[in-house]
Amino acid sequence: MGVKVVLDLPVARDIIQKRGLQDKGPIQKFFASEVARQCDPYVPMQSGTLKNTAQVQPDGVLYDQPYARRQYYENGGNGTDGTANGGRRGKEWDKRMIADHGDEITAAVAKKVGGRLG
């Protein structure tokens, strides 16, 4: 004699929607805003225009200045609080920020969706 077990689970789409994990949904926007917030002290700064005009978008952060690309790839870190002077500001700021604060961002996103780390 056997036993039949029937599980009534919500479909993945409903789970994703409930947690806010859909494409360009609230969690993706939250993640992008956390990245922008944590990147701020790493973005090169002379007058502050580049770092102060970061635009949080549903799928990332846009630095929309004519010189943003060059700063991202070529900045020497010689400016205010630059990497060449022992500071954090310089090229490829997102990669250095993630190395320093990636775990914090992961924990914040996990908490926001109702999950846990580990």
PDB file of N, CA and C in Angstrom:
ATOM      1  N   MET A   1       0.845  -1.178   0.000  1.00  0.00           N
ATOM      2  CA  MET A   1       0.000   0.000   0.000  1.00  0.00           C
ATOM      3  C   MET A   1       0.889   1.239   0.000  1.00  0.00           C
ATOM      4  N   GLY A   2       0.686   2.137  -0.946  1.00  0.00           N
ATOM      5  CA  GLY A   2       1.503   3.338  -1.071  1.00  0.00           C
ATOM      6  C   GLY A   2       0.799   4.573  -0.538  1.00  0.00           C
ATOM      7  N   VAL A   3       1.565   5.614  -0.454  1.00  0.00           N
ATOM      8  CA  VAL A   3       1.041   6.903  -0.008  1.00  0.00           C
ATOM      9  C   VAL A   3       1.300   7.922  -1.107  1.00  0.00           C
ATOM     10  N   LYS A   4       0.290   8.657  -1.436  1.00  0.00           N
ATOM     11  CA  LYS A   4       0.440   9.697  -2.443  1.00  0.00           C
ATOM     12  C   LYS A   4       0.475  11.051  -1.738  1.00  0.00           C
ATOM     13  N   VAL A   5       1.531  11.791  -2.002  1.00  0.00           N
ATOM     14  CA  VAL A   5       1.676  13.121  -1.410  1.00  0.00           C
ATOM     15  C   VAL A   5       1.511  14.149  -2.525  1.00  0.00           C
ATOM     16  N   VAL A   6       0.624  15.083  -2.326  1.00  0.00           N
ATOM     17  CA  VAL A   6       0.393  16.135  -3.308  1.00  0.00           C
ATOM     18  C   VAL A   6       0.801  17.465  -2.684  1.00  0.00           C
ATOM     19  N   LEU A   7       1.691  18.161  -3.370  1.00  0.00           N
ATOM     20  CA  LEU A   7       2.132  19.471  -2.899  1.00  0.00           C
ATOM     21  C   LEU A   7       1.483  20.551  -3.748  1.00  0.00           C
ATOM     22  N   ASP A   8       0.918  21.515  -3.096  1.00  0.00           N
ATOM     23  CA  ASP A   8       0.304  22.638  -3.799  1.00  0.00           C
ATOM     24  C   ASP A   8       1.199  23.857  -3.590  1.00  0.00           C
ATOM     25  N   LEU A   9       2.168  24.006  -4.501  1.00  0.00           N
ATOM     26  CA  LEU A   9       3.128  25.100  -4.387  1.00  0.00           C
ATOM     27  C   LEU A   9       2.763  26.226  -5.341  1.00  0.00           C
ATOM     28  N   PRO A  10       3.008  27.462  -4.919  1.00  0.00           N
ATOM     29  CA  PRO A  10       2.770  28.569  -5.849  1.00  0.00           C
ATOM     30  C   PRO A  10       3.761  28.491  -7.009  1.00  0.00           C
ATOM     31  N   VAL A  11       3.353  28.967  -8.151  1.00  0.00           N
ATOM     32  CA  VAL A  11       4.250  28.953  -9.302  1.00  0.00           C
ATOM     33  C   VAL A  11       5.375  29.963  -9.076  1.00  0.00           C
ATOM     34  N   ALA A  12       6.503  29.697  -9.715  1.00  0.00           N
ATOM     35  CA  ALA A  12       7.690  30.543  -9.529  1.00  0.00           C
ATOM     36  C   ALA A  12       7.392  32.010  -9.807  1.00  0.00           C
ATOM     37  N   ARG A  13       6.595  32.281 -10.836  1.00  0.00           N
ATOM     38  CA  ARG A  13       6.269  33.663 -11.190  1.00  0.00           C
ATOM     39  C   ARG A  13       5.613  34.394 -10.015  1.00  0.00           C
ATOM     40  N   ASP A  14       4.718  33.708  -9.304  1.00  0.00           N
ATOM     41  CA  ASP A  14       4.042  34.321  -8.159  1.00  0.00           C
ATOM     42  C   ASP A  14       5.014  34.595  -7.016  1.00  0.00           C
ATOM     43  N   ILE A  15       5.944  33.674  -6.800  1.00  0.00           N
ATOM     44  CA  ILE A  15       6.953  33.854  -5.750  1.00  0.00           C
ATOM     45  C   ILE A  15       7.850  35.042  -6.091  1.00  0.00           C
ATOM     46  N   ILE A  16       8.282  35.098  -7.335  1.00  0.00           N
ATOM     47  CA  ILE A  16       9.145  36.199  -7.782  1.00  0.00           C
ATOM     48  C   ILE A  16       8.422  37.533  -7.620  1.00  0.00           C
ATOM     49  N   GLN A  17       7.166  37.580  -8.016  1.00  0.00           N
ATOM     50  CA  GLN A  17       6.367  38.809  -7.915  1.00  0.00           C
ATOM     51  C   GLN A  17       6.192  39.223  -6.452  1.00  0.00           C
ATOM     52  N   LYS A  18       5.879  38.259  -5.595  1.00  0.00           N
ATOM     53  CA  LYS A  18       5.648  38.557  -4.181  1.00  0.00           C
ATOM     54  C   LYS A  18       6.901  39.136  -3.522  1.00  0.00           C
ATOM     55  N   ARG A  19       8.061  38.653  -3.919  1.00  0.00           N
ATOM     56  CA  ARG A  19       9.323  39.127  -3.344  1.00  0.00           C
ATOM     57  C   ARG A  19       9.852  40.385  -4.030  1.00  0.00           C
ATOM     58  N   GLY A  20       9.204  40.811  -5.096  1.00  0.00           N
ATOM     59  CA  GLY A  20       9.644  42.008  -5.811  1.00  0.00           C
ATOM     60  C   GLY A  20      10.845  41.780  -6.699  1.00  0.00           C
ATOM     61  N   LEU A  21      11.053  40.526  -7.114  1.00  0.00           N
ATOM     62  CA  LEU A  21      12.254  40.160  -7.864  1.00  0.00           C
ATOM     63  C   LEU A  21      12.072  40.158  -9.380  1.00  0.00           C
ATOM     64  N   GLN A  22      10.937  40.632  -9.867  1.00  0.00           N
ATOM     65  CA  GLN A  22      10.738  40.657 -11.309  1.00  0.00           C
ATOM     66  C   GLN A  22      11.710  41.642 -11.967  1.00  0.00           C
ATOM     67  N   ASP A  23      11.906  41.463 -13.272  1.00  0.00           N
ATOM     68  CA  ASP A  23      12.812  42.313 -14.034  1.00  0.00           C
ATOM     69  C   ASP A  23      12.412  43.781 -13.882  1.00  0.00           C
ATOM     70  N   LYS A  24      13.359  44.603 -13.507  1.00  0.00           N
ATOM     71  CA  LYS A  24      13.172  46.042 -13.290  1.00  0.00           C
ATOM     72  C   LYS A  24      12.151  46.336 -12.191  1.00  0.00           C
ATOM     73  N   GLY A  25      12.008  45.395 -11.273  1.00  0.00           N
ATOM     74  CA  GLY A  25      11.074  45.546 -10.174  1.00  0.00           C
ATOM     75  C   GLY A  25      11.687  46.309  -9.011  1.00  0.00           C
ATOM     76  N   PRO A  26      10.980  46.374  -7.899  1.00  0.00           N
ATOM     77  CA  PRO A  26      11.431  47.178  -6.762  1.00  0.00           C
ATOM     78  C   PRO A  26      12.758  46.722  -6.154  1.00  0.00           C
ATOM     79  N   ILE A  27      13.032  45.439  -6.166  1.00  0.00           N
ATOM     80  CA  ILE A  27      14.293  44.970  -5.582  1.00  0.00           C
ATOM     81  C   ILE A  27      15.463  45.323  -6.483  1.00  0.00           C
ATOM     82  N   GLN A  28      15.272  45.226  -7.776  1.00  0.00           N
ATOM     83  CA  GLN A  28      16.330  45.621  -8.704  1.00  0.00           C
ATOM     84  C   GLN A  28      16.626  47.115  -8.558  1.00  0.00           C
ATOM     85  N   LYS A  29      15.590  47.924  -8.381  1.00  0.00           N
ATOM     86  CA  LYS A  29      15.775  49.364  -8.170  1.00  0.00           C
ATOM     87  C   LYS A  29      16.474  49.621  -6.836  1.00  0.00           C
ATOM     88  N   PHE A  30      16.092  48.868  -5.808  1.00  0.00           N
ATOM     89  CA  PHE A  30      16.742  48.999  -4.501  1.00  0.00           C
ATOM     90  C   PHE A  30      18.227  48.667  -4.604  1.00  0.00           C
ATOM     91  N   PHE A  31      18.540  47.575  -5.307  1.00  0.00           N
ATOM     92  CA  PHE A  31      19.933  47.178  -5.506  1.00  0.00           C
ATOM     93  C   PHE A  31      20.715  48.292  -6.202  1.00  0.00           C
ATOM     94  N   ALA A  32      20.154  48.849  -7.273  1.00  0.00           N
ATOM     95  CA  ALA A  32      20.829  49.922  -8.012  1.00  0.00           C
ATOM     96  C   ALA A  32      21.041  51.146  -7.128  1.00  0.00           C
ATOM     97  N   SER A  33      20.073  51.477  -6.295  1.00  0.00           N
ATOM     98  CA  SER A  33      20.237  52.648  -5.420  1.00  0.00           C
ATOM     99  C   SER A  33      21.291  52.391  -4.345  1.00  0.00           C
ATOM    100  N   GLU A  34      21.386  51.157  -3.862  1.00  0.00           N
ATOM    101  CA  GLU A  34      22.441  50.814  -2.906  1.00  0.00           C
ATOM    102  C   GLU A  34      23.817  50.904  -3.560  1.00  0.00           C
ATOM    103  N   VAL A  35      23.919  50.434  -4.792  1.00  0.00           N
ATOM    104  CA  VAL A  35      25.187  50.530  -5.522  1.00  0.00           C
ATOM    105  C   VAL A  35      25.574  51.994  -5.692  1.00  0.00           C
ATOM    106  N   ALA A  36      24.637  52.838  -6.106  1.00  0.00           N
ATOM    107  CA  ALA A  36      24.927  54.267  -6.285  1.00  0.00           C
ATOM    108  C   ALA A  36      25.366  54.895  -4.966  1.00  0.00           C
ATOM    109  N   ARG A  37      24.667  54.571  -3.904  1.00  0.00           N
ATOM    110  CA  ARG A  37      24.989  55.144  -2.588  1.00  0.00           C
ATOM    111  C   ARG A  37      26.382  54.727  -2.128  1.00  0.00           C
ATOM    112  N   GLN A  38      26.691  53.456  -2.280  1.00  0.00           N
ATOM    113  CA  GLN A  38      27.993  52.958  -1.836  1.00  0.00           C
ATOM    114  C   GLN A  38      29.122  53.401  -2.768  1.00  0.00           C
ATOM    115  N   CYS A  39      28.817  53.643  -4.049  1.00  0.00           N
ATOM    116  CA  CYS A  39      29.844  54.088  -5.005  1.00  0.00           C
ATOM    117  C   CYS A  39      30.245  55.542  -4.791  1.00  0.00           C
ATOM    118  N   ASP A  40      29.376  56.337  -4.222  1.00  0.00           N
ATOM    119  CA  ASP A  40      29.616  57.781  -4.128  1.00  0.00           C
ATOM    120  C   ASP A  40      31.019  58.153  -3.655  1.00  0.00           C
ATOM    121  N   PRO A  41      31.537  57.565  -2.577  1.00  0.00           N
ATOM    122  CA  PRO A  41      32.886  57.955  -2.133  1.00  0.00           C
ATOM    123  C   PRO A  41      34.024  57.429  -3.010  1.00  0.00           C
ATOM    124  N   TYR A  42      33.702  56.641  -4.036  1.00  0.00           N
ATOM    125  CA  TYR A  42      34.715  56.069  -4.927  1.00  0.00           C
ATOM    126  C   TYR A  42      34.784  56.787  -6.278  1.00  0.00           C
ATOM    127  N   VAL A  43      33.753  57.555  -6.599  1.00  0.00           N
ATOM    128  CA  VAL A  43      33.680  58.237  -7.892  1.00  0.00           C
ATOM    129  C   VAL A  43      34.654  59.412  -7.894  1.00  0.00           C
ATOM    130  N   PRO A  44      35.457  59.547  -8.968  1.00  0.00           N
ATOM    131  CA  PRO A  44      36.394  60.669  -9.045  1.00  0.00           C
ATOM    132  C   PRO A  44      35.672  62.005  -8.854  1.00  0.00           C
ATOM    133  N   MET A  45      36.350  62.923  -8.184  1.00  0.00           N
ATOM    134  CA  MET A  45      35.710  64.198  -7.899  1.00  0.00           C
ATOM    135  C   MET A  45      36.696  65.346  -8.060  1.00  0.00           C
ATOM    136  N   GLN A  46      36.312  66.287  -8.881  1.00  0.00           N
ATOM    137  CA  GLN A  46      37.025  67.554  -8.940  1.00  0.00           C
ATOM    138  C   GLN A  46      36.054  68.623  -8.459  1.00  0.00           C
ATOM    139  N   SER A  47      34.979  68.813  -9.205  1.00  0.00           N
ATOM    140  CA  SER A  47      33.951  69.758  -8.778  1.00  0.00           C
ATOM    141  C   SER A  47      32.767  69.031  -8.141  1.00  0.00           C
ATOM    142  N   GLY A  48      32.675  67.719  -8.343  1.00  0.00           N
ATOM    143  CA  GLY A  48      31.576  66.927  -7.796  1.00  0.00           C
ATOM    144  C   GLY A  48      30.465  66.650  -8.793  1.00  0.00           C
ATOM    145  N   THR A  49      30.579  67.205 -10.000  1.00  0.00           N
ATOM    146  CA  THR A  49      29.510  67.032 -10.990  1.00  0.00           C
ATOM    147  C   THR A  49      29.285  65.566 -11.337  1.00  0.00           C
ATOM    148  N   LEU A  50      30.336  64.818 -11.591  1.00  0.00           N
ATOM    149  CA  LEU A  50      30.183  63.417 -11.990  1.00  0.00           C
ATOM    150  C   LEU A  50      29.463  62.614 -10.915  1.00  0.00           C
ATOM    151  N   LYS A  51      29.938  62.676  -9.702  1.00  0.00           N
ATOM    152  CA  LYS A  51      29.329  61.873  -8.641  1.00  0.00           C
ATOM    153  C   LYS A  51      27.929  62.354  -8.279  1.00  0.00           C
ATOM    154  N   ASN A  52      27.696  63.660  -8.397  1.00  0.00           N
ATOM    155  CA  ASN A  52      26.405  64.219  -8.001  1.00  0.00           C
ATOM    156  C   ASN A  52      25.321  64.087  -9.063  1.00  0.00           C
ATOM    157  N   THR A  53      25.677  63.647 -10.257  1.00  0.00           N
ATOM    158  CA  THR A  53      24.666  63.477 -11.305  1.00  0.00           C
ATOM    159  C   THR A  53      24.425  62.005 -11.630  1.00  0.00           C
ATOM    160  N   ALA A  54      24.833  61.117 -10.755  1.00  0.00           N
ATOM    161  CA  ALA A  54      24.555  59.687 -10.952  1.00  0.00           C
ATOM    162  C   ALA A  54      23.042  59.485 -10.972  1.00  0.00           C
ATOM    163  N   GLN A  55      22.572  58.745 -11.947  1.00  0.00           N
ATOM    164  CA  GLN A  55      21.142  58.483 -12.090  1.00  0.00           C
ATOM    165  C   GLN A  55      20.867  57.006 -11.828  1.00  0.00           C
ATOM    166  N   VAL A  56      20.072  56.748 -10.801  1.00  0.00           N
ATOM    167  CA  VAL A  56      19.680  55.370 -10.507  1.00  0.00           C
ATOM    168  C   VAL A  56      18.605  54.981 -11.511  1.00  0.00           C
ATOM    169  N   GLN A  57      18.853  53.911 -12.243  1.00  0.00           N
ATOM    170  CA  GLN A  57      17.915  53.416 -13.236  1.00  0.00           C
ATOM    171  C   GLN A  57      17.421  52.037 -12.790  1.00  0.00           C
ATOM    172  N   PRO A  58      16.356  51.542 -13.388  1.00  0.00           N
ATOM    173  CA  PRO A  58      15.827  50.249 -12.953  1.00  0.00           C
ATOM    174  C   PRO A  58      16.835  49.105 -13.035  1.00  0.00           C
ATOM    175  N   ASP A  59      17.814  49.226 -13.931  1.00  0.00           N
ATOM    176  CA  ASP A  59      18.760  48.129 -14.103  1.00  0.00           C
ATOM    177  C   ASP A  59      20.212  48.550 -13.914  1.00  0.00           C
ATOM    178  N   GLY A  60      20.455  49.651 -13.238  1.00  0.00           N
ATOM    179  CA  GLY A  60      21.834  50.068 -12.995  1.00  0.00           C
ATOM    180  C   GLY A  60      21.941  51.529 -12.616  1.00  0.00           C
ATOM    181  N   VAL A  61      23.159  52.030 -12.685  1.00  0.00           N
ATOM    182  CA  VAL A  61      23.436  53.428 -12.356  1.00  0.00           C
ATOM    183  C   VAL A  61      24.088  54.059 -13.576  1.00  0.00           C
ATOM    184  N   LEU A  62      23.598  55.217 -13.984  1.00  0.00           N
ATOM    185  CA  LEU A  62      24.121  55.910 -15.155  1.00  0.00           C
ATOM    186  C   LEU A  62      24.839  57.179 -14.716  1.00  0.00           C
ATOM    187  N   TYR A  63      26.089  57.304 -15.119  1.00  0.00           N
ATOM    188  CA  TYR A  63      26.859  58.529 -14.928  1.00  0.00           C
ATOM    189  C   TYR A  63      26.874  59.205 -16.294  1.00  0.00           C
ATOM    190  N   ASP A  64      25.983  60.157 -16.507  1.00  0.00           N
ATOM    191  CA  ASP A  64      25.715  60.709 -17.832  1.00  0.00           C
ATOM    192  C   ASP A  64      26.395  62.062 -18.035  1.00  0.00           C
ATOM    193  N   GLN A  65      27.701  62.051 -17.966  1.00  0.00           N
ATOM    194  CA  GLN A  65      28.494  63.242 -18.272  1.00  0.00           C
ATOM    195  C   GLN A  65      29.355  62.915 -19.484  1.00  0.00           C
ATOM    196  N   PRO A  66      29.701  63.915 -20.291  1.00  0.00           N
ATOM    197  CA  PRO A  66      30.478  63.634 -21.496  1.00  0.00           C
ATOM    198  C   PRO A  66      31.829  62.980 -21.209  1.00  0.00           C
ATOM    199  N   TYR A  67      32.357  63.200 -20.037  1.00  0.00           N
ATOM    200  CA  TYR A  67      33.682  62.682 -19.687  1.00  0.00           C
ATOM    201  C   TYR A  67      33.611  61.446 -18.796  1.00  0.00           C
ATOM    202  N   ALA A  68      32.436  60.930 -18.517  1.00  0.00           N
ATOM    203  CA  ALA A  68      32.270  59.825 -17.565  1.00  0.00           C
ATOM    204  C   ALA A  68      33.035  58.575 -17.993  1.00  0.00           C
ATOM    205  N   ARG A  69      32.939  58.211 -19.262  1.00  0.00           N
ATOM    206  CA  ARG A  69      33.607  56.995 -19.742  1.00  0.00           C
ATOM    207  C   ARG A  69      35.116  57.095 -19.553  1.00  0.00           C
ATOM    208  N   ARG A  70      35.672  58.226 -19.921  1.00  0.00           N
ATOM    209  CA  ARG A  70      37.123  58.401 -19.786  1.00  0.00           C
ATOM    210  C   ARG A  70      37.532  58.339 -18.315  1.00  0.00           C
ATOM    211  N   GLN A  71      36.759  58.977 -17.445  1.00  0.00           N
ATOM    212  CA  GLN A  71      37.066  58.928 -16.014  1.00  0.00           C
ATOM    213  C   GLN A  71      37.003  57.492 -15.495  1.00  0.00           C
ATOM    214  N   TYR A  72      36.002  56.743 -15.963  1.00  0.00           N
ATOM    215  CA  TYR A  72      35.833  55.370 -15.495  1.00  0.00           C
ATOM    216  C   TYR A  72      37.039  54.502 -15.849  1.00  0.00           C
ATOM    217  N   TYR A  73      37.559  54.654 -17.060  1.00  0.00           N
ATOM    218  CA  TYR A  73      38.646  53.791 -17.511  1.00  0.00           C
ATOM    219  C   TYR A  73      40.042  54.362 -17.304  1.00  0.00           C
ATOM    220  N   GLU A  74      40.182  55.687 -17.208  1.00  0.00           N
ATOM    221  CA  GLU A  74      41.519  56.269 -17.224  1.00  0.00           C
ATOM    222  C   GLU A  74      41.879  57.140 -16.026  1.00  0.00           C
ATOM    223  N   ASN A  75      40.959  57.426 -15.146  1.00  0.00           N
ATOM    224  CA  ASN A  75      41.268  58.338 -14.045  1.00  0.00           C
ATOM    225  C   ASN A  75      42.474  57.848 -13.253  1.00  0.00           C
ATOM    226  N   GLY A  76      43.403  58.761 -12.993  1.00  0.00           N
ATOM    227  CA  GLY A  76      44.635  58.400 -12.291  1.00  0.00           C
ATOM    228  C   GLY A  76      44.542  58.461 -10.781  1.00  0.00           C
ATOM    229  N   GLY A  77      43.408  58.892 -10.254  1.00  0.00           N
ATOM    230  CA  GLY A  77      43.247  58.959  -8.805  1.00  0.00           C
ATOM    231  C   GLY A  77      44.031  60.077  -8.156  1.00  0.00           C
ATOM    232  N   ASN A  78      44.313  61.136  -8.909  1.00  0.00           N
ATOM    233  CA  ASN A  78      45.111  62.241  -8.377  1.00  0.00           C
ATOM    234  C   ASN A  78      44.280  63.360  -7.773  1.00  0.00           C
ATOM    235  N   GLY A  79      42.970  63.296  -7.891  1.00  0.00           N
ATOM    236  CA  GLY A  79      42.104  64.368  -7.406  1.00  0.00           C
ATOM    237  C   GLY A  79      41.822  64.267  -5.918  1.00  0.00           C
ATOM    238  N   THR A  80      40.786  64.980  -5.502  1.00  0.00           N
ATOM    239  CA  THR A  80      40.366  65.009  -4.109  1.00  0.00           C
ATOM    240  C   THR A  80      40.097  63.594  -3.604  1.00  0.00           C
ATOM    241  N   ASP A  81      40.798  63.182  -2.573  1.00  0.00           N
ATOM    242  CA  ASP A  81      40.646  61.853  -1.967  1.00  0.00           C
ATOM    243  C   ASP A  81      40.886  60.733  -2.984  1.00  0.00           C
ATOM    244  N   GLY A  82      41.803  60.964  -3.927  1.00  0.00           N
ATOM    245  CA  GLY A  82      42.091  59.989  -4.978  1.00  0.00           C
ATOM    246  C   GLY A  82      42.921  58.813  -4.499  1.00  0.00           C
ATOM    247  N   THR A  83      42.867  57.735  -5.259  1.00  0.00           N
ATOM    248  CA  THR A  83      43.602  56.521  -4.905  1.00  0.00           C
ATOM    249  C   THR A  83      45.111  56.749  -4.895  1.00  0.00           C
ATOM    250  N   ALA A  84      45.592  57.659  -5.732  1.00  0.00           N
ATOM    251  CA  ALA A  84      47.033  57.942  -5.768  1.00  0.00           C
ATOM    252  C   ALA A  84      47.503  58.647  -4.499  1.00  0.00           C
ATOM    253  N   ASN A  85      46.550  59.217  -3.766  1.00  0.00           N
ATOM    254  CA  ASN A  85      46.876  59.935  -2.534  1.00  0.00           C
ATOM    255  C   ASN A  85      46.374  59.204  -1.292  1.00  0.00           C
ATOM    256  N   GLY A  86      46.116  57.915  -1.423  1.00  0.00           N
ATOM    257  CA  GLY A  86      45.662  57.124  -0.277  1.00  0.00           C
ATOM    258  C   GLY A  86      44.162  57.118  -0.076  1.00  0.00           C
ATOM    259  N   GLY A  87      43.413  57.736  -0.982  1.00  0.00           N
ATOM    260  CA  GLY A  87      41.956  57.778  -0.863  1.00  0.00           C
ATOM    261  C   GLY A  87      41.284  56.681  -1.663  1.00  0.00           C
ATOM    262  N   ARG A  88      39.987  56.845  -1.888  1.00  0.00           N
ATOM    263  CA  ARG A  88      39.213  55.819  -2.585  1.00  0.00           C
ATOM    264  C   ARG A  88      38.768  56.227  -3.986  1.00  0.00           C
ATOM    265  N   ARG A  89      38.844  57.483  -4.329  1.00  0.00           N
ATOM    266  CA  ARG A  89      38.316  57.954  -5.613  1.00  0.00           C
ATOM    267  C   ARG A  89      39.266  57.641  -6.757  1.00  0.00           C
ATOM    268  N   GLY A  90      38.720  57.100  -7.850  1.00  0.00           N
ATOM    269  CA  GLY A  90      39.534  56.776  -9.012  1.00  0.00           C
ATOM    270  C   GLY A  90      38.765  55.921 -10.000  1.00  0.00           C
ATOM    271  N   LYS A  91      39.482  55.384 -10.985  1.00  0.00           N
ATOM    272  CA  LYS A  91      38.847  54.620 -12.063  1.00  0.00           C
ATOM    273  C   LYS A  91      38.205  53.329 -11.555  1.00  0.00           C
ATOM    274  N   GLU A  92      37.302  52.819 -12.373  1.00  0.00           N
ATOM    275  CA  GLU A  92      36.587  51.566 -12.087  1.00  0.00           C
ATOM    276  C   GLU A  92      36.058  51.524 -10.651  1.00  0.00           C
ATOM    277  N   TRP A  93      35.393  52.596 -10.273  1.00  0.00           N
ATOM    278  CA  TRP A  93      34.930  52.760  -8.898  1.00  0.00           C
ATOM    279  C   TRP A  93      33.957  51.684  -8.459  1.00  0.00           C
ATOM    280  N   ASP A  94      33.142  51.157  -9.374  1.00  0.00           N
ATOM    281  CA  ASP A  94      32.173  50.140  -8.978  1.00  0.00           C
ATOM    282  C   ASP A  94      32.848  48.841  -8.548  1.00  0.00           C
ATOM    283  N   LYS A  95      33.900  48.459  -9.247  1.00  0.00           N
ATOM    284  CA  LYS A  95      34.599  47.216  -8.915  1.00  0.00           C
ATOM    285  C   LYS A  95      35.267  47.308  -7.546  1.00  0.00           C
ATOM    286  N   ARG A  96      35.870  48.452  -7.262  1.00  0.00           N
ATOM    287  CA  ARG A  96      36.530  48.617  -5.962  1.00  0.00           C
ATOM    288  C   ARG A  96      35.502  48.710  -4.838  1.00  0.00           C
ATOM    289  N   MET A  97      34.369  49.355  -5.112  1.00  0.00           N
ATOM    290  CA  MET A  97      33.313  49.451  -4.107  1.00  0.00           C
ATOM    291  C   MET A  97      32.752  48.065  -3.796  1.00  0.00           C
ATOM    292  N   ILE A  98      32.508  47.258  -4.829  1.00  0.00           N
ATOM    293  CA  ILE A  98      31.968  45.908  -4.609  1.00  0.00           C
ATOM    294  C   ILE A  98      32.945  45.067  -3.792  1.00  0.00           C
ATOM    295  N   ALA A  99      34.231  45.212  -4.049  1.00  0.00           N
ATOM    296  CA  ALA A  99      35.226  44.473  -3.265  1.00  0.00           C
ATOM    297  C   ALA A  99      35.155  44.870  -1.795  1.00  0.00           C
ATOM    298  N   ASP A 100      34.882  46.140  -1.528  1.00  0.00           N
ATOM    299  CA  ASP A 100      34.826  46.631  -0.148  1.00  0.00           C
ATOM    300  C   ASP A 100      33.460  46.438   0.508  1.00  0.00           C
ATOM    301  N   HIS A 101      32.376  46.579  -0.253  1.00  0.00           N
ATOM    302  CA  HIS A 101      31.032  46.615   0.341  1.00  0.00           C
ATOM    303  C   HIS A 101      30.038  45.631  -0.269  1.00  0.00           C
ATOM    304  N   GLY A 102      30.507  44.721  -1.106  1.00  0.00           N
ATOM    305  CA  GLY A 102      29.604  43.774  -1.757  1.00  0.00           C
ATOM    306  C   GLY A 102      28.788  42.947  -0.781  1.00  0.00           C
ATOM    307  N   ASP A 103      29.415  42.510   0.303  1.00  0.00           N
ATOM    308  CA  ASP A 103      28.692  41.705   1.296  1.00  0.00           C
ATOM    309  C   ASP A 103      27.584  42.508   1.969  1.00  0.00           C
ATOM    310  N   GLU A 104      27.834  43.792   2.216  1.00  0.00           N
ATOM    311  CA  GLU A 104      26.807  44.651   2.826  1.00  0.00           C
ATOM    312  C   GLU A 104      25.607  44.807   1.897  1.00  0.00           C
ATOM    313  N   ILE A 105      25.883  44.999   0.621  1.00  0.00           N
ATOM    314  CA  ILE A 105      24.800  45.157  -0.346  1.00  0.00           C
ATOM    315  C   ILE A 105      24.013  43.856  -0.466  1.00  0.00           C
ATOM    316  N   THR A 106      24.712  42.732  -0.516  1.00  0.00           N
ATOM    317  CA  THR A 106      24.043  41.432  -0.585  1.00  0.00           C
ATOM    318  C   THR A 106      23.140  41.228   0.626  1.00  0.00           C
ATOM    319  N   ALA A 107      23.634  41.565   1.804  1.00  0.00           N
ATOM    320  CA  ALA A 107      22.839  41.420   3.026  1.00  0.00           C
ATOM    321  C   ALA A 107      21.613  42.334   3.004  1.00  0.00           C
ATOM    322  N   ALA A 108      21.776  43.560   2.525  1.00  0.00           N
ATOM    323  CA  ALA A 108      20.654  44.503   2.463  1.00  0.00           C
ATOM    324  C   ALA A 108      19.576  44.008   1.502  1.00  0.00           C
ATOM    325  N   VAL A 109      19.993  43.482   0.360  1.00  0.00           N
ATOM    326  CA  VAL A 109      19.029  42.960  -0.618  1.00  0.00           C
ATOM    327  C   VAL A 109      18.337  41.719  -0.059  1.00  0.00           C
ATOM    328  N   ALA A 110      19.100  40.824   0.564  1.00  0.00           N
ATOM    329  CA  ALA A 110      18.506  39.617   1.157  1.00  0.00           C
ATOM    330  C   ALA A 110      17.467  39.987   2.211  1.00  0.00           C
ATOM    331  N   LYS A 111      17.784  40.958   3.038  1.00  0.00           N
ATOM    332  CA  LYS A 111      16.846  41.401   4.074  1.00  0.00           C
ATOM    333  C   LYS A 111      15.586  41.989   3.441  1.00  0.00           C
ATOM    334  N   LYS A 112      15.773  42.769   2.395  1.00  0.00           N
ATOM    335  CA  LYS A 112      14.645  43.430   1.725  1.00  0.00           C
ATOM    336  C   LYS A 112      13.677  42.412   1.111  1.00  0.00           C
ATOM    337  N   VAL A 113      14.200  41.309   0.578  1.00  0.00           N
ATOM    338  CA  VAL A 113      13.321  40.306  -0.050  1.00  0.00           C
ATOM    339  C   VAL A 113      12.810  39.275   0.952  1.00  0.00           C
ATOM    340  N   GLY A 114      13.258  39.376   2.186  1.00  0.00           N
ATOM    341  CA  GLY A 114      12.807  38.429   3.195  1.00  0.00           C
ATOM    342  C   GLY A 114      13.631  37.167   3.244  1.00  0.00           C
ATOM    343  N   GLY A 115      14.821  37.221   2.679  1.00  0.00           N
ATOM    344  CA  GLY A 115      15.709  36.063   2.689  1.00  0.00           C
ATOM    345  C   GLY A 115      16.753  36.189   3.774  1.00  0.00           C
ATOM    346  N   ARG A 116      17.721  35.312   3.714  1.00  0.00           N
ATOM    347  CA  ARG A 116      18.818  35.365   4.679  1.00  0.00           C
ATOM    348  C   ARG A 116      20.086  34.859   4.009  1.00  0.00           C
ATOM    349  N   LEU A 117      21.201  35.244   4.556  1.00  0.00           N
ATOM    350  CA  LEU A 117      22.492  34.830   4.022  1.00  0.00           C
ATOM    351  C   LEU A 117      22.913  33.503   4.624  1.00  0.00           C
ATOM    352  N   GLY A 118      23.723  32.779   3.856  1.00  0.00           N
ATOM    353  CA  GLY A 118      24.338  31.578   4.386  1.00  0.00           C
ATOM    354  C   GLY A 118      23.496  30.390   4.241  1.00  0.00           C
TER     355      GLY A 118
END
